Amino acid sequence: VSHLNQGTLEDIGSVEKSILRLAIFEILFEDLPKAV
């Protein structure tokens, strides 16, 4: 939500939201290269 230019979390499709959630978890909490 903090990085959305417009709209809300509910405006994002469920598949896209699932992809984003997984990737953000990996970025914030896992020790993996961000580019990967």
Full PDB file with SEQRES, HELIX, SHEET, SSBOND, CRYST1, ORIGX, SCALE, CONECT and MASTER records, all heavy atoms in Angstrom:
SEQRES   1 A   36  VAL SER HIS LEU ASN GLN GLY THR LEU GLU ASP ILE GLY          
SEQRES   2 A   36  SER VAL GLU LYS SER ILE LEU ARG LEU ALA ILE PHE GLU          
SEQRES   3 A   36  ILE LEU PHE GLU ASP LEU PRO LYS ALA VAL                      
HELIX    1 AA1 LEU A    9  ASP A   11  5                                   3    
HELIX    2 AA2 SER A   14  PHE A   29  1                                  16    
CRYST1    1.000    1.000    1.000  90.00  90.00  90.00 P 1           1          
ORIGX1      1.000000  0.000000  0.000000        0.00000                         
ORIGX2      0.000000  1.000000  0.000000        0.00000                         
ORIGX3      0.000000  0.000000  1.000000        0.00000                         
SCALE1      1.000000  0.000000  0.000000        0.00000                         
SCALE2      0.000000  1.000000  0.000000        0.00000                         
SCALE3      0.000000  0.000000  1.000000        0.00000                         
ATOM      1  N   VAL A   1       0.829  -1.211   0.000  1.00  0.00           N  
ATOM      2  CA  VAL A   1       0.000   0.000   0.000  1.00  0.00           C  
ATOM      3  C   VAL A   1       0.864   1.261   0.000  1.00  0.00           C  
ATOM      4  O   VAL A   1       0.561   2.226  -0.705  1.00  0.00           O  
ATOM      5  CB  VAL A   1      -0.977  -0.013   1.201  1.00  0.00           C  
ATOM      6  CG1 VAL A   1      -1.681   1.327   1.361  1.00  0.00           C  
ATOM      7  CG2 VAL A   1      -2.000  -1.133   1.027  1.00  0.00           C  
ATOM      8  N   SER A   2       1.953   1.243   0.743  1.00  0.00           N  
ATOM      9  CA  SER A   2       2.800   2.430   0.832  1.00  0.00           C  
ATOM     10  C   SER A   2       3.475   2.778  -0.496  1.00  0.00           C  
ATOM     11  O   SER A   2       3.914   3.905  -0.688  1.00  0.00           O  
ATOM     12  CB  SER A   2       3.850   2.269   1.929  1.00  0.00           C  
ATOM     13  OG  SER A   2       4.866   1.375   1.536  1.00  0.00           O  
ATOM     14  N   HIS A   3       3.541   1.817  -1.413  1.00  0.00           N  
ATOM     15  CA  HIS A   3       4.201   2.052  -2.695  1.00  0.00           C  
ATOM     16  C   HIS A   3       3.236   2.124  -3.878  1.00  0.00           C  
ATOM     17  O   HIS A   3       3.680   2.227  -5.023  1.00  0.00           O  
ATOM     18  CB  HIS A   3       5.263   0.973  -2.944  1.00  0.00           C  
ATOM     19  CG  HIS A   3       6.383   1.018  -1.956  1.00  0.00           C  
ATOM     20  ND1 HIS A   3       7.276   2.060  -1.884  1.00  0.00           N  
ATOM     21  CD2 HIS A   3       6.724   0.171  -0.968  1.00  0.00           C  
ATOM     22  CE1 HIS A   3       8.135   1.845  -0.905  1.00  0.00           C  
ATOM     23  NE2 HIS A   3       7.821   0.700  -0.328  1.00  0.00           N  
ATOM     24  N   LEU A   4       1.948   2.070  -3.615  1.00  0.00           N  
ATOM     25  CA  LEU A   4       0.959   2.209  -4.694  1.00  0.00           C  
ATOM     26  C   LEU A   4       0.851   3.681  -5.093  1.00  0.00           C  
ATOM     27  O   LEU A   4       0.766   4.557  -4.232  1.00  0.00           O  
ATOM     28  CB  LEU A   4      -0.415   1.708  -4.240  1.00  0.00           C  
ATOM     29  CG  LEU A   4      -0.605   0.210  -4.111  1.00  0.00           C  
ATOM     30  CD1 LEU A   4      -1.991  -0.097  -3.551  1.00  0.00           C  
ATOM     31  CD2 LEU A   4      -0.410  -0.493  -5.442  1.00  0.00           C  
ATOM     32  N   ASN A   5       0.833   3.940  -6.379  1.00  0.00           N  
ATOM     33  CA  ASN A   5       0.644   5.309  -6.863  1.00  0.00           C  
ATOM     34  C   ASN A   5      -0.813   5.725  -6.713  1.00  0.00           C  
ATOM     35  O   ASN A   5      -1.119   6.882  -6.483  1.00  0.00           O  
ATOM     36  CB  ASN A   5       1.071   5.439  -8.320  1.00  0.00           C  
ATOM     37  CG  ASN A   5       2.568   5.278  -8.488  1.00  0.00           C  
ATOM     38  OD1 ASN A   5       3.332   5.540  -7.569  1.00  0.00           O  
ATOM     39  ND2 ASN A   5       2.976   4.834  -9.654  1.00  0.00           N  
ATOM     40  N   GLN A   6      -1.690   4.767  -6.907  1.00  0.00           N  
ATOM     41  CA  GLN A   6      -3.121   5.024  -6.786  1.00  0.00           C  
ATOM     42  C   GLN A   6      -3.823   3.711  -6.463  1.00  0.00           C  
ATOM     43  O   GLN A   6      -3.274   2.648  -6.632  1.00  0.00           O  
ATOM     44  CB  GLN A   6      -3.678   5.612  -8.078  1.00  0.00           C  
ATOM     45  CG  GLN A   6      -3.474   4.707  -9.287  1.00  0.00           C  
ATOM     46  CD  GLN A   6      -3.830   5.393 -10.594  1.00  0.00           C  
ATOM     47  OE1 GLN A   6      -3.889   6.608 -10.653  1.00  0.00           O  
ATOM     48  NE2 GLN A   6      -4.053   4.620 -11.626  1.00  0.00           N  
ATOM     49  N   GLY A   7      -5.049   3.823  -5.993  1.00  0.00           N  
ATOM     50  CA  GLY A   7      -5.832   2.634  -5.683  1.00  0.00           C  
ATOM     51  C   GLY A   7      -5.499   2.061  -4.313  1.00  0.00           C  
ATOM     52  O   GLY A   7      -4.738   2.636  -3.534  1.00  0.00           O  
ATOM     53  N   THR A   8      -6.089   0.912  -4.058  1.00  0.00           N  
ATOM     54  CA  THR A   8      -5.924   0.237  -2.774  1.00  0.00           C  
ATOM     55  C   THR A   8      -5.472  -1.197  -3.005  1.00  0.00           C  
ATOM     56  O   THR A   8      -5.422  -1.666  -4.147  1.00  0.00           O  
ATOM     57  CB  THR A   8      -7.252   0.212  -1.996  1.00  0.00           C  
ATOM     58  OG1 THR A   8      -8.188  -0.608  -2.726  1.00  0.00           O  
ATOM     59  CG2 THR A   8      -7.829   1.614  -1.813  1.00  0.00           C  
ATOM     60  N   LEU A   9      -5.194  -1.877  -1.927  1.00  0.00           N  
ATOM     61  CA  LEU A   9      -4.808  -3.280  -2.001  1.00  0.00           C  
ATOM     62  C   LEU A   9      -5.887  -4.112  -2.700  1.00  0.00           C  
ATOM     63  O   LEU A   9      -5.584  -5.019  -3.468  1.00  0.00           O  
ATOM     64  CB  LEU A   9      -4.554  -3.805  -0.581  1.00  0.00           C  
ATOM     65  CG  LEU A   9      -3.859  -5.143  -0.439  1.00  0.00           C  
ATOM     66  CD1 LEU A   9      -2.450  -5.095  -1.018  1.00  0.00           C  
ATOM     67  CD2 LEU A   9      -3.796  -5.550   1.019  1.00  0.00           C  
ATOM     68  N   GLU A  10      -7.141  -3.756  -2.450  1.00  0.00           N  
ATOM     69  CA  GLU A  10      -8.267  -4.501  -3.034  1.00  0.00           C  
ATOM     70  C   GLU A  10      -8.363  -4.314  -4.547  1.00  0.00           C  
ATOM     71  O   GLU A  10      -9.013  -5.102  -5.230  1.00  0.00           O  
ATOM     72  CB  GLU A  10      -9.585  -4.094  -2.372  1.00  0.00           C  
ATOM     73  CG  GLU A  10      -9.724  -4.547  -0.928  1.00  0.00           C  
ATOM     74  CD  GLU A  10      -8.847  -3.752   0.048  1.00  0.00           C  
ATOM     75  OE1 GLU A  10      -8.590  -2.549  -0.183  1.00  0.00           O  
ATOM     76  OE2 GLU A  10      -8.403  -4.359   1.041  1.00  0.00           O  
ATOM     77  N   ASP A  11      -7.728  -3.282  -5.086  1.00  0.00           N  
ATOM     78  CA  ASP A  11      -7.752  -3.037  -6.528  1.00  0.00           C  
ATOM     79  C   ASP A  11      -6.771  -3.922  -7.290  1.00  0.00           C  
ATOM     80  O   ASP A  11      -6.841  -4.019  -8.508  1.00  0.00           O  
ATOM     81  CB  ASP A  11      -7.431  -1.559  -6.828  1.00  0.00           C  
ATOM     82  CG  ASP A  11      -8.475  -0.617  -6.263  1.00  0.00           C  
ATOM     83  OD1 ASP A  11      -9.660  -0.999  -6.219  1.00  0.00           O  
ATOM     84  OD2 ASP A  11      -8.099   0.499  -5.854  1.00  0.00           O  
ATOM     85  N   ILE A  12      -5.864  -4.552  -6.581  1.00  0.00           N  
ATOM     86  CA  ILE A  12      -4.864  -5.418  -7.213  1.00  0.00           C  
ATOM     87  C   ILE A  12      -5.466  -6.815  -7.378  1.00  0.00           C  
ATOM     88  O   ILE A  12      -6.090  -7.344  -6.462  1.00  0.00           O  
ATOM     89  CB  ILE A  12      -3.591  -5.500  -6.344  1.00  0.00           C  
ATOM     90  CG1 ILE A  12      -3.007  -4.101  -6.128  1.00  0.00           C  
ATOM     91  CG2 ILE A  12      -2.554  -6.416  -6.996  1.00  0.00           C  
ATOM     92  CD1 ILE A  12      -1.875  -4.076  -5.114  1.00  0.00           C  
ATOM     93  N   GLY A  13      -5.272  -7.407  -8.533  1.00  0.00           N  
ATOM     94  CA  GLY A  13      -5.760  -8.766  -8.780  1.00  0.00           C  
ATOM     95  C   GLY A  13      -5.151  -9.755  -7.796  1.00  0.00           C  
ATOM     96  O   GLY A  13      -4.019  -9.565  -7.328  1.00  0.00           O  
ATOM     97  N   SER A  14      -5.878 -10.807  -7.490  1.00  0.00           N  
ATOM     98  CA  SER A  14      -5.416 -11.781  -6.490  1.00  0.00           C  
ATOM     99  C   SER A  14      -4.112 -12.470  -6.880  1.00  0.00           C  
ATOM    100  O   SER A  14      -3.270 -12.736  -6.019  1.00  0.00           O  
ATOM    101  CB  SER A  14      -6.497 -12.824  -6.230  1.00  0.00           C  
ATOM    102  OG  SER A  14      -7.567 -12.236  -5.538  1.00  0.00           O  
ATOM    103  N   VAL A  15      -3.928 -12.768  -8.164  1.00  0.00           N  
ATOM    104  CA  VAL A  15      -2.686 -13.415  -8.581  1.00  0.00           C  
ATOM    105  C   VAL A  15      -1.516 -12.446  -8.417  1.00  0.00           C  
ATOM    106  O   VAL A  15      -0.476 -12.797  -7.841  1.00  0.00           O  
ATOM    107  CB  VAL A  15      -2.768 -13.914 -10.045  1.00  0.00           C  
ATOM    108  CG1 VAL A  15      -1.428 -14.436 -10.522  1.00  0.00           C  
ATOM    109  CG2 VAL A  15      -3.832 -14.994 -10.175  1.00  0.00           C  
ATOM    110  N   GLU A  16      -1.698 -11.217  -8.895  1.00  0.00           N  
ATOM    111  CA  GLU A  16      -0.651 -10.205  -8.765  1.00  0.00           C  
ATOM    112  C   GLU A  16      -0.325  -9.948  -7.294  1.00  0.00           C  
ATOM    113  O   GLU A  16       0.829  -9.825  -6.904  1.00  0.00           O  
ATOM    114  CB  GLU A  16      -1.069  -8.900  -9.447  1.00  0.00           C  
ATOM    115  CG  GLU A  16      -1.131  -8.979 -10.959  1.00  0.00           C  
ATOM    116  CD  GLU A  16      -2.462  -9.494 -11.505  1.00  0.00           C  
ATOM    117  OE1 GLU A  16      -3.299 -10.024 -10.730  1.00  0.00           O  
ATOM    118  OE2 GLU A  16      -2.666  -9.372 -12.730  1.00  0.00           O  
ATOM    119  N   LYS A  17      -1.368  -9.877  -6.481  1.00  0.00           N  
ATOM    120  CA  LYS A  17      -1.180  -9.644  -5.045  1.00  0.00           C  
ATOM    121  C   LYS A  17      -0.384 -10.791  -4.420  1.00  0.00           C  
ATOM    122  O   LYS A  17       0.512 -10.556  -3.606  1.00  0.00           O  
ATOM    123  CB  LYS A  17      -2.552  -9.522  -4.373  1.00  0.00           C  
ATOM    124  CG  LYS A  17      -2.549  -8.792  -3.066  1.00  0.00           C  
ATOM    125  CD  LYS A  17      -3.919  -8.682  -2.418  1.00  0.00           C  
ATOM    126  CE  LYS A  17      -5.051  -8.450  -3.377  1.00  0.00           C  
ATOM    127  NZ  LYS A  17      -6.363  -8.448  -2.731  1.00  0.00           N  
ATOM    128  N   SER A  18      -0.675 -12.001  -4.812  1.00  0.00           N  
ATOM    129  CA  SER A  18       0.041 -13.167  -4.279  1.00  0.00           C  
ATOM    130  C   SER A  18       1.507 -13.136  -4.685  1.00  0.00           C  
ATOM    131  O   SER A  18       2.393 -13.435  -3.873  1.00  0.00           O  
ATOM    132  CB  SER A  18      -0.624 -14.459  -4.761  1.00  0.00           C  
ATOM    133  OG  SER A  18      -1.946 -14.535  -4.280  1.00  0.00           O  
ATOM    134  N   ILE A  19       1.780 -12.758  -5.936  1.00  0.00           N  
ATOM    135  CA  ILE A  19       3.162 -12.651  -6.416  1.00  0.00           C  
ATOM    136  C   ILE A  19       3.896 -11.566  -5.637  1.00  0.00           C  
ATOM    137  O   ILE A  19       5.023 -11.774  -5.182  1.00  0.00           O  
ATOM    138  CB  ILE A  19       3.185 -12.371  -7.937  1.00  0.00           C  
ATOM    139  CG1 ILE A  19       2.659 -13.597  -8.703  1.00  0.00           C  
ATOM    140  CG2 ILE A  19       4.594 -11.993  -8.406  1.00  0.00           C  
ATOM    141  CD1 ILE A  19       2.356 -13.346 -10.173  1.00  0.00           C  
ATOM    142  N   LEU A  20       3.265 -10.417  -5.474  1.00  0.00           N  
ATOM    143  CA  LEU A  20       3.878  -9.315  -4.729  1.00  0.00           C  
ATOM    144  C   LEU A  20       4.144  -9.694  -3.282  1.00  0.00           C  
ATOM    145  O   LEU A  20       5.220  -9.414  -2.738  1.00  0.00           O  
ATOM    146  CB  LEU A  20       2.985  -8.071  -4.777  1.00  0.00           C  
ATOM    147  CG  LEU A  20       2.956  -7.318  -6.095  1.00  0.00           C  
ATOM    148  CD1 LEU A  20       1.850  -6.268  -6.074  1.00  0.00           C  
ATOM    149  CD2 LEU A  20       4.301  -6.677  -6.388  1.00  0.00           C  
ATOM    150  N   ARG A  21       3.176 -10.324  -2.653  1.00  0.00           N  
ATOM    151  CA  ARG A  21       3.340 -10.705  -1.248  1.00  0.00           C  
ATOM    152  C   ARG A  21       4.523 -11.637  -1.059  1.00  0.00           C  
ATOM    153  O   ARG A  21       5.333 -11.468  -0.146  1.00  0.00           O  
ATOM    154  CB  ARG A  21       2.054 -11.345  -0.722  1.00  0.00           C  
ATOM    155  CG  ARG A  21       0.951 -10.343  -0.465  1.00  0.00           C  
ATOM    156  CD  ARG A  21      -0.351 -11.016  -0.127  1.00  0.00           C  
ATOM    157  NE  ARG A  21      -1.341 -10.051   0.351  1.00  0.00           N  
ATOM    158  CZ  ARG A  21      -2.648 -10.309   0.422  1.00  0.00           C  
ATOM    159  NH1 ARG A  21      -3.122 -11.497   0.049  1.00  0.00           N  
ATOM    160  NH2 ARG A  21      -3.473  -9.385   0.870  1.00  0.00           N  
ATOM    161  N   LEU A  22       4.619 -12.636  -1.928  1.00  0.00           N  
ATOM    162  CA  LEU A  22       5.728 -13.583  -1.833  1.00  0.00           C  
ATOM    163  C   LEU A  22       7.060 -12.867  -2.047  1.00  0.00           C  
ATOM    164  O   LEU A  22       8.000 -13.038  -1.265  1.00  0.00           O  
ATOM    165  CB  LEU A  22       5.559 -14.709  -2.851  1.00  0.00           C  
ATOM    166  CG  LEU A  22       6.732 -15.682  -2.964  1.00  0.00           C  
ATOM    167  CD1 LEU A  22       7.012 -16.359  -1.634  1.00  0.00           C  
ATOM    168  CD2 LEU A  22       6.457 -16.697  -4.048  1.00  0.00           C  
ATOM    169  N   ALA A  23       7.143 -12.056  -3.081  1.00  0.00           N  
ATOM    170  CA  ALA A  23       8.400 -11.371  -3.389  1.00  0.00           C  
ATOM    171  C   ALA A  23       8.792 -10.406  -2.275  1.00  0.00           C  
ATOM    172  O   ALA A  23       9.969 -10.338  -1.893  1.00  0.00           O  
ATOM    173  CB  ALA A  23       8.281 -10.632  -4.723  1.00  0.00           C  
ATOM    174  N   ILE A  24       7.829  -9.684  -1.737  1.00  0.00           N  
ATOM    175  CA  ILE A  24       8.140  -8.742  -0.656  1.00  0.00           C  
ATOM    176  C   ILE A  24       8.585  -9.493   0.593  1.00  0.00           C  
ATOM    177  O   ILE A  24       9.507  -9.060   1.287  1.00  0.00           O  
ATOM    178  CB  ILE A  24       6.954  -7.793  -0.385  1.00  0.00           C  
ATOM    179  CG1 ILE A  24       6.802  -6.844  -1.587  1.00  0.00           C  
ATOM    180  CG2 ILE A  24       7.150  -7.004   0.903  1.00  0.00           C  
ATOM    181  CD1 ILE A  24       5.547  -6.001  -1.577  1.00  0.00           C  
ATOM    182  N   PHE A  25       7.975 -10.638   0.870  1.00  0.00           N  
ATOM    183  CA  PHE A  25       8.456 -11.450   1.992  1.00  0.00           C  
ATOM    184  C   PHE A  25       9.928 -11.803   1.771  1.00  0.00           C  
ATOM    185  O   PHE A  25      10.758 -11.655   2.673  1.00  0.00           O  
ATOM    186  CB  PHE A  25       7.626 -12.729   2.166  1.00  0.00           C  
ATOM    187  CG  PHE A  25       8.275 -13.684   3.130  1.00  0.00           C  
ATOM    188  CD1 PHE A  25       8.243 -13.436   4.495  1.00  0.00           C  
ATOM    189  CD2 PHE A  25       8.964 -14.799   2.678  1.00  0.00           C  
ATOM    190  CE1 PHE A  25       8.889 -14.285   5.394  1.00  0.00           C  
ATOM    191  CE2 PHE A  25       9.603 -15.656   3.559  1.00  0.00           C  
ATOM    192  CZ  PHE A  25       9.562 -15.396   4.926  1.00  0.00           C  
ATOM    193  N   GLU A  26      10.256 -12.251   0.566  1.00  0.00           N  
ATOM    194  CA  GLU A  26      11.644 -12.639   0.287  1.00  0.00           C  
ATOM    195  C   GLU A  26      12.589 -11.443   0.374  1.00  0.00           C  
ATOM    196  O   GLU A  26      13.709 -11.566   0.885  1.00  0.00           O  
ATOM    197  CB  GLU A  26      11.748 -13.304  -1.085  1.00  0.00           C  
ATOM    198  CG  GLU A  26      11.108 -14.679  -1.116  1.00  0.00           C  
ATOM    199  CD  GLU A  26      11.419 -15.429  -2.382  1.00  0.00           C  
ATOM    200  OE1 GLU A  26      12.456 -16.131  -2.402  1.00  0.00           O  
ATOM    201  OE2 GLU A  26      10.655 -15.305  -3.354  1.00  0.00           O  
ATOM    202  N   ILE A  27      12.153 -10.286  -0.103  1.00  0.00           N  
ATOM    203  CA  ILE A  27      12.992  -9.084  -0.054  1.00  0.00           C  
ATOM    204  C   ILE A  27      13.246  -8.658   1.395  1.00  0.00           C  
ATOM    205  O   ILE A  27      14.377  -8.343   1.763  1.00  0.00           O  
ATOM    206  CB  ILE A  27      12.348  -7.938  -0.859  1.00  0.00           C  
ATOM    207  CG1 ILE A  27      12.437  -8.241  -2.360  1.00  0.00           C  
ATOM    208  CG2 ILE A  27      13.006  -6.592  -0.541  1.00  0.00           C  
ATOM    209  CD1 ILE A  27      11.581  -7.339  -3.243  1.00  0.00           C  
ATOM    210  N   LEU A  28      12.202  -8.659   2.202  1.00  0.00           N  
ATOM    211  CA  LEU A  28      12.318  -8.154   3.567  1.00  0.00           C  
ATOM    212  C   LEU A  28      12.913  -9.148   4.558  1.00  0.00           C  
ATOM    213  O   LEU A  28      13.602  -8.750   5.496  1.00  0.00           O  
ATOM    214  CB  LEU A  28      10.950  -7.701   4.088  1.00  0.00           C  
ATOM    215  CG  LEU A  28      10.273  -6.535   3.371  1.00  0.00           C  
ATOM    216  CD1 LEU A  28       8.922  -6.245   4.009  1.00  0.00           C  
ATOM    217  CD2 LEU A  28      11.160  -5.299   3.372  1.00  0.00           C  
ATOM    218  N   PHE A  29      12.625 -10.428   4.377  1.00  0.00           N  
ATOM    219  CA  PHE A  29      12.940 -11.399   5.425  1.00  0.00           C  
ATOM    220  C   PHE A  29      13.909 -12.517   5.036  1.00  0.00           C  
ATOM    221  O   PHE A  29      14.341 -13.267   5.905  1.00  0.00           O  
ATOM    222  CB  PHE A  29      11.642 -12.045   5.936  1.00  0.00           C  
ATOM    223  CG  PHE A  29      10.674 -11.052   6.521  1.00  0.00           C  
ATOM    224  CD1 PHE A  29       9.587 -10.607   5.779  1.00  0.00           C  
ATOM    225  CD2 PHE A  29      10.855 -10.551   7.802  1.00  0.00           C  
ATOM    226  CE1 PHE A  29       8.679  -9.692   6.308  1.00  0.00           C  
ATOM    227  CE2 PHE A  29       9.961  -9.638   8.336  1.00  0.00           C  
ATOM    228  CZ  PHE A  29       8.878  -9.201   7.593  1.00  0.00           C  
ATOM    229  N   GLU A  30      14.216 -12.645   3.771  1.00  0.00           N  
ATOM    230  CA  GLU A  30      15.112 -13.715   3.334  1.00  0.00           C  
ATOM    231  C   GLU A  30      16.431 -13.124   2.849  1.00  0.00           C  
ATOM    232  O   GLU A  30      16.471 -12.005   2.348  1.00  0.00           O  
ATOM    233  CB  GLU A  30      14.464 -14.535   2.210  1.00  0.00           C  
ATOM    234  CG  GLU A  30      13.258 -15.339   2.656  1.00  0.00           C  
ATOM    235  CD  GLU A  30      13.605 -16.414   3.663  1.00  0.00           C  
ATOM    236  OE1 GLU A  30      14.444 -17.268   3.366  1.00  0.00           O  
ATOM    237  OE2 GLU A  30      13.012 -16.404   4.756  1.00  0.00           O  
ATOM    238  N   ASP A  31      17.480 -13.880   2.975  1.00  0.00           N  
ATOM    239  CA  ASP A  31      18.804 -13.422   2.560  1.00  0.00           C  
ATOM    240  C   ASP A  31      19.088 -13.908   1.134  1.00  0.00           C  
ATOM    241  O   ASP A  31      19.934 -14.756   0.913  1.00  0.00           O  
ATOM    242  CB  ASP A  31      19.860 -13.942   3.539  1.00  0.00           C  
ATOM    243  CG  ASP A  31      21.224 -13.335   3.282  1.00  0.00           C  
ATOM    244  OD1 ASP A  31      21.276 -12.219   2.731  1.00  0.00           O  
ATOM    245  OD2 ASP A  31      22.226 -13.985   3.628  1.00  0.00           O  
ATOM    246  N   LEU A  32      18.324 -13.358   0.202  1.00  0.00           N  
ATOM    247  CA  LEU A  32      18.486 -13.692  -1.207  1.00  0.00           C  
ATOM    248  C   LEU A  32      18.789 -12.412  -1.979  1.00  0.00           C  
ATOM    249  O   LEU A  32      18.351 -11.334  -1.577  1.00  0.00           O  
ATOM    250  CB  LEU A  32      17.188 -14.311  -1.756  1.00  0.00           C  
ATOM    251  CG  LEU A  32      16.746 -15.626  -1.134  1.00  0.00           C  
ATOM    252  CD1 LEU A  32      15.324 -15.948  -1.528  1.00  0.00           C  
ATOM    253  CD2 LEU A  32      17.676 -16.738  -1.596  1.00  0.00           C  
ATOM    254  N   PRO A  33      19.519 -12.517  -3.090  1.00  0.00           N  
ATOM    255  CA  PRO A  33      19.770 -11.312  -3.884  1.00  0.00           C  
ATOM    256  C   PRO A  33      18.448 -10.701  -4.367  1.00  0.00           C  
ATOM    257  O   PRO A  33      17.601 -11.401  -4.927  1.00  0.00           O  
ATOM    258  CB  PRO A  33      20.603 -11.831  -5.062  1.00  0.00           C  
ATOM    259  CG  PRO A  33      21.172 -13.134  -4.597  1.00  0.00           C  
ATOM    260  CD  PRO A  33      20.171 -13.702  -3.637  1.00  0.00           C  
ATOM    261  N   LYS A  34      18.303  -9.408  -4.141  1.00  0.00           N  
ATOM    262  CA  LYS A  34      17.047  -8.709  -4.488  1.00  0.00           C  
ATOM    263  C   LYS A  34      16.733  -8.837  -5.980  1.00  0.00           C  
ATOM    264  O   LYS A  34      15.594  -9.025  -6.362  1.00  0.00           O  
ATOM    265  CB  LYS A  34      17.119  -7.229  -4.096  1.00  0.00           C  
ATOM    266  CG  LYS A  34      17.605  -6.954  -2.688  1.00  0.00           C  
ATOM    267  CD  LYS A  34      16.613  -7.331  -1.631  1.00  0.00           C  
ATOM    268  CE  LYS A  34      17.060  -6.885  -0.253  1.00  0.00           C  
ATOM    269  NZ  LYS A  34      17.434  -7.921   0.645  1.00  0.00           N  
ATOM    270  N   ALA A  35      17.774  -8.750  -6.813  1.00  0.00           N  
ATOM    271  CA  ALA A  35      17.562  -8.847  -8.263  1.00  0.00           C  
ATOM    272  C   ALA A  35      16.986 -10.211  -8.655  1.00  0.00           C  
ATOM    273  O   ALA A  35      16.134 -10.296  -9.545  1.00  0.00           O  
ATOM    274  CB  ALA A  35      18.862  -8.582  -9.011  1.00  0.00           C  
ATOM    275  N   VAL A  36      17.428 -11.255  -7.984  1.00  0.00           N  
ATOM    276  CA  VAL A  36      16.917 -12.604  -8.258  1.00  0.00           C  
ATOM    277  C   VAL A  36      15.439 -12.696  -7.873  1.00  0.00           C  
ATOM    278  O   VAL A  36      14.619 -13.215  -8.626  1.00  0.00           O  
ATOM    279  CB  VAL A  36      17.744 -13.672  -7.504  1.00  0.00           C  
ATOM    280  CG1 VAL A  36      17.093 -15.043  -7.594  1.00  0.00           C  
ATOM    281  CG2 VAL A  36      19.161 -13.722  -8.042  1.00  0.00           C  
TER     282      VAL A  36                                                      
MASTER        0    0    0    2    0    0    0    6  281    1    0    3          
END                                                                             
